[in-house]
């Protein structure tokens, strides 16, 4: 009988700690929208990424995201090219 009471108490403590730890997590809500950019003579992928990146993201990571999203194999962009930028806005 004591063994079952100890097991029950252990399970209750484990469940309570799980519920308490889940209650303290901060929910991060983001909306993603997309912007089409027409490449002009002075544009660089670095400059575009620096302008439109989320404040919590590095320029290098955002460039990788842009390249993946647009199926680009290199960092080279050309005048007249259109690229789509995924832009995250945190609420």
PDB file of N, CA and C in Angstrom:
ATOM      1  N   UNK A   1       0.816  -1.190   0.000  1.00  0.00           N
ATOM      2  CA  UNK A   1       0.000   0.000   0.000  1.00  0.00           C
ATOM      3  C   UNK A   1       0.863   1.260   0.000  1.00  0.00           C
ATOM      4  N   UNK A   2       1.915   1.282   0.818  1.00  0.00           N
ATOM      5  CA  UNK A   2       2.803   2.432   0.872  1.00  0.00           C
ATOM      6  C   UNK A   2       3.463   2.681  -0.484  1.00  0.00           C
ATOM      7  N   UNK A   3       3.792   1.600  -1.153  1.00  0.00           N
ATOM      8  CA  UNK A   3       4.441   1.698  -2.449  1.00  0.00           C
ATOM      9  C   UNK A   3       3.538   2.438  -3.436  1.00  0.00           C
ATOM     10  N   UNK A   4       2.242   2.108  -3.460  1.00  0.00           N
ATOM     11  CA  UNK A   4       1.296   2.743  -4.362  1.00  0.00           C
ATOM     12  C   UNK A   4       1.070   4.208  -4.011  1.00  0.00           C
ATOM     13  N   UNK A   5       1.083   4.538  -2.739  1.00  0.00           N
ATOM     14  CA  UNK A   5       0.924   5.925  -2.305  1.00  0.00           C
ATOM     15  C   UNK A   5       2.136   6.738  -2.759  1.00  0.00           C
ATOM     16  N   UNK A   6       3.340   6.200  -2.618  1.00  0.00           N
ATOM     17  CA  UNK A   6       4.539   6.890  -3.065  1.00  0.00           C
ATOM     18  C   UNK A   6       4.539   7.105  -4.582  1.00  0.00           C
ATOM     19  N   UNK A   7       4.108   6.095  -5.317  1.00  0.00           N
ATOM     20  CA  UNK A   7       4.027   6.217  -6.773  1.00  0.00           C
ATOM     21  C   UNK A   7       3.004   7.284  -7.150  1.00  0.00           C
ATOM     22  N   UNK A   8       1.865   7.285  -6.497  1.00  0.00           N
ATOM     23  CA  UNK A   8       0.827   8.276  -6.764  1.00  0.00           C
ATOM     24  C   UNK A   8       1.304   9.695  -6.455  1.00  0.00           C
ATOM     25  N   UNK A   9       1.980   9.866  -5.349  1.00  0.00           N
ATOM     26  CA  UNK A   9       2.515  11.188  -4.976  1.00  0.00           C
ATOM     27  C   UNK A   9       3.560  11.641  -5.999  1.00  0.00           C
ATOM     28  N   UNK A  10       4.406  10.731  -6.441  1.00  0.00           N
ATOM     29  CA  UNK A  10       5.422  11.056  -7.438  1.00  0.00           C
ATOM     30  C   UNK A  10       4.773  11.502  -8.752  1.00  0.00           C
ATOM     31  N   UNK A  11       3.736  10.806  -9.165  1.00  0.00           N
ATOM     32  CA  UNK A  11       3.035  11.159 -10.400  1.00  0.00           C
ATOM     33  C   UNK A  11       2.371  12.533 -10.270  1.00  0.00           C
ATOM     34  N   UNK A  12       1.754  12.794  -9.137  1.00  0.00           N
ATOM     35  CA  UNK A  12       1.093  14.084  -8.910  1.00  0.00           C
ATOM     36  C   UNK A  12       2.116  15.221  -8.945  1.00  0.00           C
ATOM     37  N   UNK A  13       3.256  15.026  -8.305  1.00  0.00           N
ATOM     38  CA  UNK A  13       4.303  16.054  -8.295  1.00  0.00           C
ATOM     39  C   UNK A  13       4.824  16.294  -9.712  1.00  0.00           C
ATOM     40  N   UNK A  14       5.027  15.228 -10.465  1.00  0.00           N
ATOM     41  CA  UNK A  14       5.510  15.363 -11.839  1.00  0.00           C
ATOM     42  C   UNK A  14       4.498  16.116 -12.698  1.00  0.00           C
ATOM     43  N   UNK A  15       3.227  15.803 -12.562  1.00  0.00           N
ATOM     44  CA  UNK A  15       2.194  16.493 -13.327  1.00  0.00           C
ATOM     45  C   UNK A  15       2.095  17.969 -12.947  1.00  0.00           C
ATOM     46  N   UNK A  16       2.185  18.256 -11.655  1.00  0.00           N
ATOM     47  CA  UNK A  16       2.103  19.641 -11.196  1.00  0.00           C
ATOM     48  C   UNK A  16       3.280  20.463 -11.715  1.00  0.00           C
ATOM     49  N   UNK A  17       4.469  19.905 -11.697  1.00  0.00           N
ATOM     50  CA  UNK A  17       5.632  20.642 -12.184  1.00  0.00           C
ATOM     51  C   UNK A  17       5.541  20.882 -13.683  1.00  0.00           C
ATOM     52  N   UNK A  18       4.983  19.927 -14.419  1.00  0.00           N
ATOM     53  CA  UNK A  18       4.797  20.099 -15.857  1.00  0.00           C
ATOM     54  C   UNK A  18       3.796  21.207 -16.138  1.00  0.00           C
ATOM     55  N   UNK A  19       2.690  21.213 -15.439  1.00  0.00           N
ATOM     56  CA  UNK A  19       1.671  22.241 -15.634  1.00  0.00           C
ATOM     57  C   UNK A  19       2.221  23.612 -15.274  1.00  0.00           C
ATOM     58  N   UNK A  20       2.974  23.705 -14.191  1.00  0.00           N
ATOM     59  CA  UNK A  20       3.536  24.987 -13.779  1.00  0.00           C
ATOM     60  C   UNK A  20       4.571  25.496 -14.783  1.00  0.00           C
ATOM     61  N   UNK A  21       5.376  24.606 -15.305  1.00  0.00           N
ATOM     62  CA  UNK A  21       6.388  25.043 -16.267  1.00  0.00           C
ATOM     63  C   UNK A  21       5.745  25.470 -17.581  1.00  0.00           C
ATOM     64  N   UNK A  22       4.665  24.843 -17.998  1.00  0.00           N
ATOM     65  CA  UNK A  22       3.971  25.238 -19.215  1.00  0.00           C
ATOM     66  C   UNK A  22       3.271  26.579 -19.038  1.00  0.00           C
ATOM     67  N   UNK A  23       2.832  26.854 -17.858  1.00  0.00           N
ATOM     68  CA  UNK A  23       2.151  28.111 -17.588  1.00  0.00           C
ATOM     69  C   UNK A  23       3.079  29.306 -17.657  1.00  0.00           C
ATOM     70  N   UNK A  24       4.371  29.110 -17.541  1.00  0.00           N
ATOM     71  CA  UNK A  24       5.324  30.208 -17.556  1.00  0.00           C
ATOM     72  C   UNK A  24       5.907  30.498 -18.928  1.00  0.00           C
ATOM     73  N   UNK A  25       5.560  29.710 -19.918  1.00  0.00           N
ATOM     74  CA  UNK A  25       6.128  29.941 -21.237  1.00  0.00           C
ATOM     75  C   UNK A  25       5.453  31.128 -21.899  1.00  0.00           C
ATOM     76  N   UNK A  26       6.254  31.942 -22.554  1.00  0.00           N
ATOM     77  CA  UNK A  26       5.744  33.112 -23.259  1.00  0.00           C
ATOM     78  C   UNK A  26       5.409  32.702 -24.687  1.00  0.00           C
ATOM     79  N   UNK A  27       4.228  33.042 -25.111  1.00  0.00           N
ATOM     80  CA  UNK A  27       3.813  32.719 -26.462  1.00  0.00           C
ATOM     81  C   UNK A  27       4.269  33.843 -27.380  1.00  0.00           C
ATOM     82  N   UNK A  28       4.998  33.485 -28.396  1.00  0.00           N
ATOM     83  CA  UNK A  28       5.478  34.464 -29.369  1.00  0.00           C
ATOM     84  C   UNK A  28       4.566  34.399 -30.580  1.00  0.00           C
ATOM     85  N   UNK A  29       3.908  35.501 -30.846  1.00  0.00           N
ATOM     86  CA  UNK A  29       2.977  35.527 -31.969  1.00  0.00           C
ATOM     87  C   UNK A  29       3.564  36.383 -33.072  1.00  0.00           C
ATOM     88  N   UNK A  30       3.587  35.810 -34.246  1.00  0.00           N
ATOM     89  CA  UNK A  30       4.108  36.525 -35.403  1.00  0.00           C
ATOM     90  C   UNK A  30       3.137  36.384 -36.559  1.00  0.00           C
ATOM     91  N   UNK A  31       3.091  37.408 -37.350  1.00  0.00           N
ATOM     92  CA  UNK A  31       2.364  37.353 -38.608  1.00  0.00           C
ATOM     93  C   UNK A  31       3.407  37.472 -39.704  1.00  0.00           C
ATOM     94  N   UNK A  32       3.219  36.686 -40.727  1.00  0.00           N
ATOM     95  CA  UNK A  32       4.134  36.750 -41.855  1.00  0.00           C
ATOM     96  C   UNK A  32       3.365  37.281 -43.057  1.00  0.00           C
ATOM     97  N   UNK A  33       3.904  38.300 -43.675  1.00  0.00           N
ATOM     98  CA  UNK A  33       3.346  38.760 -44.919  1.00  0.00           C
ATOM     99  C   UNK A  33       4.473  38.813 -45.942  1.00  0.00           C
ATOM    100  N   UNK A  34       4.107  39.011 -47.179  1.00  0.00           N
ATOM    101  CA  UNK A  34       5.077  38.907 -48.255  1.00  0.00           C
ATOM    102  C   UNK A  34       5.117  40.201 -49.052  1.00  0.00           C
ATOM    103  N   UNK A  35       6.309  40.619 -49.419  1.00  0.00           N
ATOM    104  CA  UNK A  35       6.490  41.850 -50.185  1.00  0.00           C
ATOM    105  C   UNK A  35       7.279  41.524 -51.436  1.00  0.00           C
ATOM    106  N   UNK A  36       6.788  41.999 -52.562  1.00  0.00           N
ATOM    107  CA  UNK A  36       7.489  41.839 -53.824  1.00  0.00           C
ATOM    108  C   UNK A  36       8.407  43.038 -54.017  1.00  0.00           C
ATOM    109  N   UNK A  37       9.657  42.775 -54.366  1.00  0.00           N
ATOM    110  CA  UNK A  37      10.634  43.837 -54.572  1.00  0.00           C
ATOM    111  C   UNK A  37      11.182  43.715 -55.989  1.00  0.00           C
ATOM    112  N   UNK A  38      11.123  44.838 -56.726  1.00  0.00           N
ATOM    113  CA  UNK A  38      11.737  44.912 -58.061  1.00  0.00           C
ATOM    114  C   UNK A  38      13.167  45.402 -57.885  1.00  0.00           C
ATOM    115  N   UNK A  39      14.100  44.643 -58.384  1.00  0.00           N
ATOM    116  CA  UNK A  39      15.515  44.976 -58.223  1.00  0.00           C
ATOM    117  C   UNK A  39      15.878  46.131 -59.163  1.00  0.00           C
ATOM    118  N   UNK A  40      16.510  47.151 -58.581  1.00  0.00           N
ATOM    119  CA  UNK A  40      16.974  48.309 -59.353  1.00  0.00           C
ATOM    120  C   UNK A  40      18.507  48.315 -59.370  1.00  0.00           C
ATOM    121  N   UNK A  41      19.069  49.308 -60.039  1.00  0.00           N
ATOM    122  CA  UNK A  41      20.514  49.358 -60.263  1.00  0.00           C
ATOM    123  C   UNK A  41      21.336  49.324 -58.978  1.00  0.00           C
ATOM    124  N   UNK A  42      20.918  50.032 -57.964  1.00  0.00           N
ATOM    125  CA  UNK A  42      21.739  50.140 -56.750  1.00  0.00           C
ATOM    126  C   UNK A  42      21.447  49.074 -55.704  1.00  0.00           C
ATOM    127  N   UNK A  43      20.503  48.172 -55.957  1.00  0.00           N
ATOM    128  CA  UNK A  43      20.118  47.175 -54.958  1.00  0.00           C
ATOM    129  C   UNK A  43      21.156  46.075 -54.801  1.00  0.00           C
ATOM    130  N   UNK A  44      21.322  45.647 -53.564  1.00  0.00           N
ATOM    131  CA  UNK A  44      22.110  44.449 -53.255  1.00  0.00           C
ATOM    132  C   UNK A  44      21.257  43.578 -52.353  1.00  0.00           C
ATOM    133  N   UNK A  45      21.524  42.302 -52.380  1.00  0.00           N
ATOM    134  CA  UNK A  45      20.763  41.393 -51.518  1.00  0.00           C
ATOM    135  C   UNK A  45      21.015  41.729 -50.049  1.00  0.00           C
ATOM    136  N   UNK A  46      22.251  42.106 -49.724  1.00  0.00           N
ATOM    137  CA  UNK A  46      22.586  42.494 -48.350  1.00  0.00           C
ATOM    138  C   UNK A  46      21.771  43.717 -47.919  1.00  0.00           C
ATOM    139  N   UNK A  47      21.702  44.732 -48.776  1.00  0.00           N
ATOM    140  CA  UNK A  47      20.971  45.957 -48.454  1.00  0.00           C
ATOM    141  C   UNK A  47      19.479  45.702 -48.291  1.00  0.00           C
ATOM    142  N   UNK A  48      18.912  44.886 -49.169  1.00  0.00           N
ATOM    143  CA  UNK A  48      17.488  44.549 -49.072  1.00  0.00           C
ATOM    144  C   UNK A  48      17.220  43.788 -47.784  1.00  0.00           C
ATOM    145  N   UNK A  49      18.065  42.803 -47.491  1.00  0.00           N
ATOM    146  CA  UNK A  49      17.893  42.014 -46.275  1.00  0.00           C
ATOM    147  C   UNK A  49      18.024  42.881 -45.029  1.00  0.00           C
ATOM    148  N   UNK A  50      18.968  43.794 -45.038  1.00  0.00           N
ATOM    149  CA  UNK A  50      19.175  44.682 -43.894  1.00  0.00           C
ATOM    150  C   UNK A  50      17.966  45.590 -43.673  1.00  0.00           C
ATOM    151  N   UNK A  51      17.321  45.997 -44.751  1.00  0.00           N
ATOM    152  CA  UNK A  51      16.155  46.879 -44.659  1.00  0.00           C
ATOM    153  C   UNK A  51      14.919  46.160 -44.130  1.00  0.00           C
ATOM    154  N   UNK A  52      14.678  44.935 -44.569  1.00  0.00           N
ATOM    155  CA  UNK A  52      13.417  44.253 -44.303  1.00  0.00           C
ATOM    156  C   UNK A  52      13.468  43.156 -43.241  1.00  0.00           C
ATOM    157  N   UNK A  53      14.634  42.841 -42.717  1.00  0.00           N
ATOM    158  CA  UNK A  53      14.743  41.734 -41.752  1.00  0.00           C
ATOM    159  C   UNK A  53      14.042  42.069 -40.439  1.00  0.00           C
ATOM    160  N   UNK A  54      13.657  41.025 -39.737  1.00  0.00           N
ATOM    161  CA  UNK A  54      13.117  41.157 -38.389  1.00  0.00           C
ATOM    162  C   UNK A  54      14.261  41.583 -37.479  1.00  0.00           C
ATOM    163  N   UNK A  55      13.982  42.412 -36.497  1.00  0.00           N
ATOM    164  CA  UNK A  55      15.042  42.925 -35.619  1.00  0.00           C
ATOM    165  C   UNK A  55      15.776  41.837 -34.853  1.00  0.00           C
ATOM    166  N   UNK A  56      15.166  40.668 -34.715  1.00  0.00           N
ATOM    167  CA  UNK A  56      15.804  39.565 -33.983  1.00  0.00           C
ATOM    168  C   UNK A  56      16.588  38.630 -34.896  1.00  0.00           C
ATOM    169  N   UNK A  57      16.666  38.943 -36.175  1.00  0.00           N
ATOM    170  CA  UNK A  57      17.325  38.062 -37.129  1.00  0.00           C
ATOM    171  C   UNK A  57      18.564  38.756 -37.698  1.00  0.00           C
ATOM    172  N   UNK A  58      19.591  37.995 -37.925  1.00  0.00           N
ATOM    173  CA  UNK A  58      20.792  38.562 -38.538  1.00  0.00           C
ATOM    174  C   UNK A  58      20.571  38.724 -40.037  1.00  0.00           C
ATOM    175  N   UNK A  59      21.325  39.609 -40.637  1.00  0.00           N
ATOM    176  CA  UNK A  59      21.223  39.838 -42.082  1.00  0.00           C
ATOM    177  C   UNK A  59      21.574  38.562 -42.834  1.00  0.00           C
ATOM    178  N   UNK A  60      22.600  37.871 -42.386  1.00  0.00           N
ATOM    179  CA  UNK A  60      23.031  36.632 -43.042  1.00  0.00           C
ATOM    180  C   UNK A  60      21.919  35.583 -43.029  1.00  0.00           C
ATOM    181  N   UNK A  61      21.254  35.425 -41.898  1.00  0.00           N
ATOM    182  CA  UNK A  61      20.161  34.451 -41.817  1.00  0.00           C
ATOM    183  C   UNK A  61      18.987  34.854 -42.696  1.00  0.00           C
ATOM    184  N   UNK A  62      18.701  36.164 -42.760  1.00  0.00           N
ATOM    185  CA  UNK A  62      17.591  36.624 -43.588  1.00  0.00           C
ATOM    186  C   UNK A  62      17.910  36.445 -45.076  1.00  0.00           C
ATOM    187  N   UNK A  63      19.155  36.647 -45.447  1.00  0.00           N
ATOM    188  CA  UNK A  63      19.553  36.393 -46.840  1.00  0.00           C
ATOM    189  C   UNK A  63      19.327  34.924 -47.184  1.00  0.00           C
ATOM    190  N   UNK A  64      19.697  34.035 -46.292  1.00  0.00           N
ATOM    191  CA  UNK A  64      19.456  32.600 -46.526  1.00  0.00           C
ATOM    192  C   UNK A  64      17.972  32.313 -46.671  1.00  0.00           C
ATOM    193  N   UNK A  65      17.146  32.959 -45.853  1.00  0.00           N
ATOM    194  CA  UNK A  65      15.694  32.780 -45.927  1.00  0.00           C
ATOM    195  C   UNK A  65      15.157  33.282 -47.265  1.00  0.00           C
ATOM    196  N   UNK A  66      15.613  34.449 -47.704  1.00  0.00           N
ATOM    197  CA  UNK A  66      15.191  35.008 -48.995  1.00  0.00           C
ATOM    198  C   UNK A  66      15.596  34.068 -50.131  1.00  0.00           C
ATOM    199  N   UNK A  67      16.830  33.586 -50.094  1.00  0.00           N
ATOM    200  CA  UNK A  67      17.317  32.690 -51.148  1.00  0.00           C
ATOM    201  C   UNK A  67      16.523  31.393 -51.186  1.00  0.00           C
ATOM    202  N   UNK A  68      16.247  30.825 -50.021  1.00  0.00           N
ATOM    203  CA  UNK A  68      15.452  29.591 -49.974  1.00  0.00           C
ATOM    204  C   UNK A  68      14.044  29.843 -50.499  1.00  0.00           C
ATOM    205  N   UNK A  69      13.440  30.937 -50.072  1.00  0.00           N
ATOM    206  CA  UNK A  69      12.061  31.235 -50.448  1.00  0.00           C
ATOM    207  C   UNK A  69      11.926  31.472 -51.947  1.00  0.00           C
ATOM    208  N   UNK A  70      12.948  32.065 -52.565  1.00  0.00           N
ATOM    209  CA  UNK A  70      12.910  32.383 -53.990  1.00  0.00           C
ATOM    210  C   UNK A  70      13.663  31.383 -54.859  1.00  0.00           C
ATOM    211  N   UNK A  71      14.078  30.277 -54.276  1.00  0.00           N
ATOM    212  CA  UNK A  71      14.831  29.241 -55.003  1.00  0.00           C
ATOM    213  C   UNK A  71      16.062  29.814 -55.705  1.00  0.00           C
ATOM    214  N   UNK A  72      16.792  30.653 -54.996  1.00  0.00           N
ATOM    215  CA  UNK A  72      18.010  31.260 -55.542  1.00  0.00           C
ATOM    216  C   UNK A  72      19.210  30.417 -55.140  1.00  0.00           C
ATOM    217  N   UNK A  73      20.123  30.203 -56.075  1.00  0.00           N
ATOM    218  CA  UNK A  73      21.312  29.412 -55.777  1.00  0.00           C
ATOM    219  C   UNK A  73      22.497  30.266 -55.369  1.00  0.00           C
ATOM    220  N   UNK A  74      22.443  31.568 -55.690  1.00  0.00           N
ATOM    221  CA  UNK A  74      23.555  32.453 -55.327  1.00  0.00           C
ATOM    222  C   UNK A  74      22.999  33.769 -54.791  1.00  0.00           C
ATOM    223  N   UNK A  75      23.919  34.628 -54.356  1.00  0.00           N
ATOM    224  CA  UNK A  75      23.539  35.941 -53.832  1.00  0.00           C
ATOM    225  C   UNK A  75      23.389  36.981 -54.938  1.00  0.00           C
ATOM    226  N   UNK A  76      23.606  36.599 -56.170  1.00  0.00           N
ATOM    227  CA  UNK A  76      23.569  37.534 -57.294  1.00  0.00           C
ATOM    228  C   UNK A  76      22.119  37.865 -57.635  1.00  0.00           C
ATOM    229  N   UNK A  77      21.840  39.187 -57.702  1.00  0.00           N
ATOM    230  CA  UNK A  77      20.533  39.647 -58.163  1.00  0.00           C
ATOM    231  C   UNK A  77      20.758  40.552 -59.370  1.00  0.00           C
ATOM    232  N   UNK A  78      19.754  40.628 -60.256  1.00  0.00           N
ATOM    233  CA  UNK A  78      19.890  41.374 -61.502  1.00  0.00           C
ATOM    234  C   UNK A  78      18.817  42.448 -61.594  1.00  0.00           C
ATOM    235  N   UNK A  79      19.147  43.535 -62.251  1.00  0.00           N
ATOM    236  CA  UNK A  79      18.204  44.626 -62.472  1.00  0.00           C
ATOM    237  C   UNK A  79      16.972  44.070 -63.193  1.00  0.00           C
ATOM    238  N   UNK A  80      15.793  44.432 -62.680  1.00  0.00           N
ATOM    239  CA  UNK A  80      14.539  43.967 -63.267  1.00  0.00           C
ATOM    240  C   UNK A  80      14.006  42.686 -62.650  1.00  0.00           C
ATOM    241  N   UNK A  81      14.840  41.986 -61.920  1.00  0.00           N
ATOM    242  CA  UNK A  81      14.419  40.758 -61.249  1.00  0.00           C
ATOM    243  C   UNK A  81      13.428  41.106 -60.142  1.00  0.00           C
ATOM    244  N   UNK A  82      12.482  40.218 -59.903  1.00  0.00           N
ATOM    245  CA  UNK A  82      11.548  40.380 -58.786  1.00  0.00           C
ATOM    246  C   UNK A  82      11.829  39.286 -57.774  1.00  0.00           C
ATOM    247  N   UNK A  83      11.909  39.683 -56.514  1.00  0.00           N
ATOM    248  CA  UNK A  83      12.040  38.696 -55.448  1.00  0.00           C
ATOM    249  C   UNK A  83      10.936  38.947 -54.431  1.00  0.00           C
ATOM    250  N   UNK A  84      10.540  37.879 -53.778  1.00  0.00           N
ATOM    251  CA  UNK A  84       9.508  37.944 -52.753  1.00  0.00           C
ATOM    252  C   UNK A  84      10.193  37.853 -51.395  1.00  0.00           C
ATOM    253  N   UNK A  85       9.856  38.762 -50.512  1.00  0.00           N
ATOM    254  CA  UNK A  85      10.434  38.773 -49.166  1.00  0.00           C
ATOM    255  C   UNK A  85       9.402  38.329 -48.156  1.00  0.00           C
ATOM    256  N   UNK A  86       9.700  37.270 -47.392  1.00  0.00           N
ATOM    257  CA  UNK A  86       8.828  36.933 -46.265  1.00  0.00           C
ATOM    258  C   UNK A  86       9.181  37.865 -45.106  1.00  0.00           C
ATOM    259  N   UNK A  87       8.201  38.597 -44.607  1.00  0.00           N
ATOM    260  CA  UNK A  87       8.451  39.569 -43.562  1.00  0.00           C
ATOM    261  C   UNK A  87       7.647  39.191 -42.326  1.00  0.00           C
ATOM    262  N   UNK A  88       8.357  38.988 -41.211  1.00  0.00           N
ATOM    263  CA  UNK A  88       7.706  38.621 -39.951  1.00  0.00           C
ATOM    264  C   UNK A  88       7.470  39.876 -39.125  1.00  0.00           C
ATOM    265  N   UNK A  89       6.259  40.014 -38.640  1.00  0.00           N
ATOM    266  CA  UNK A  89       5.923  41.127 -37.774  1.00  0.00           C
ATOM    267  C   UNK A  89       5.443  40.546 -36.460  1.00  0.00           C
ATOM    268  N   UNK A  90       6.152  40.847 -35.391  1.00  0.00           N
ATOM    269  CA  UNK A  90       5.794  40.332 -34.076  1.00  0.00           C
ATOM    270  C   UNK A  90       4.727  41.217 -33.452  1.00  0.00           C
ATOM    271  N   UNK A  91       3.722  40.582 -32.859  1.00  0.00           N
ATOM    272  CA  UNK A  91       2.653  41.338 -32.189  1.00  0.00           C
ATOM    273  C   UNK A  91       3.024  41.678 -30.790  1.00  0.00           C
TER     274      UNK A  91
END
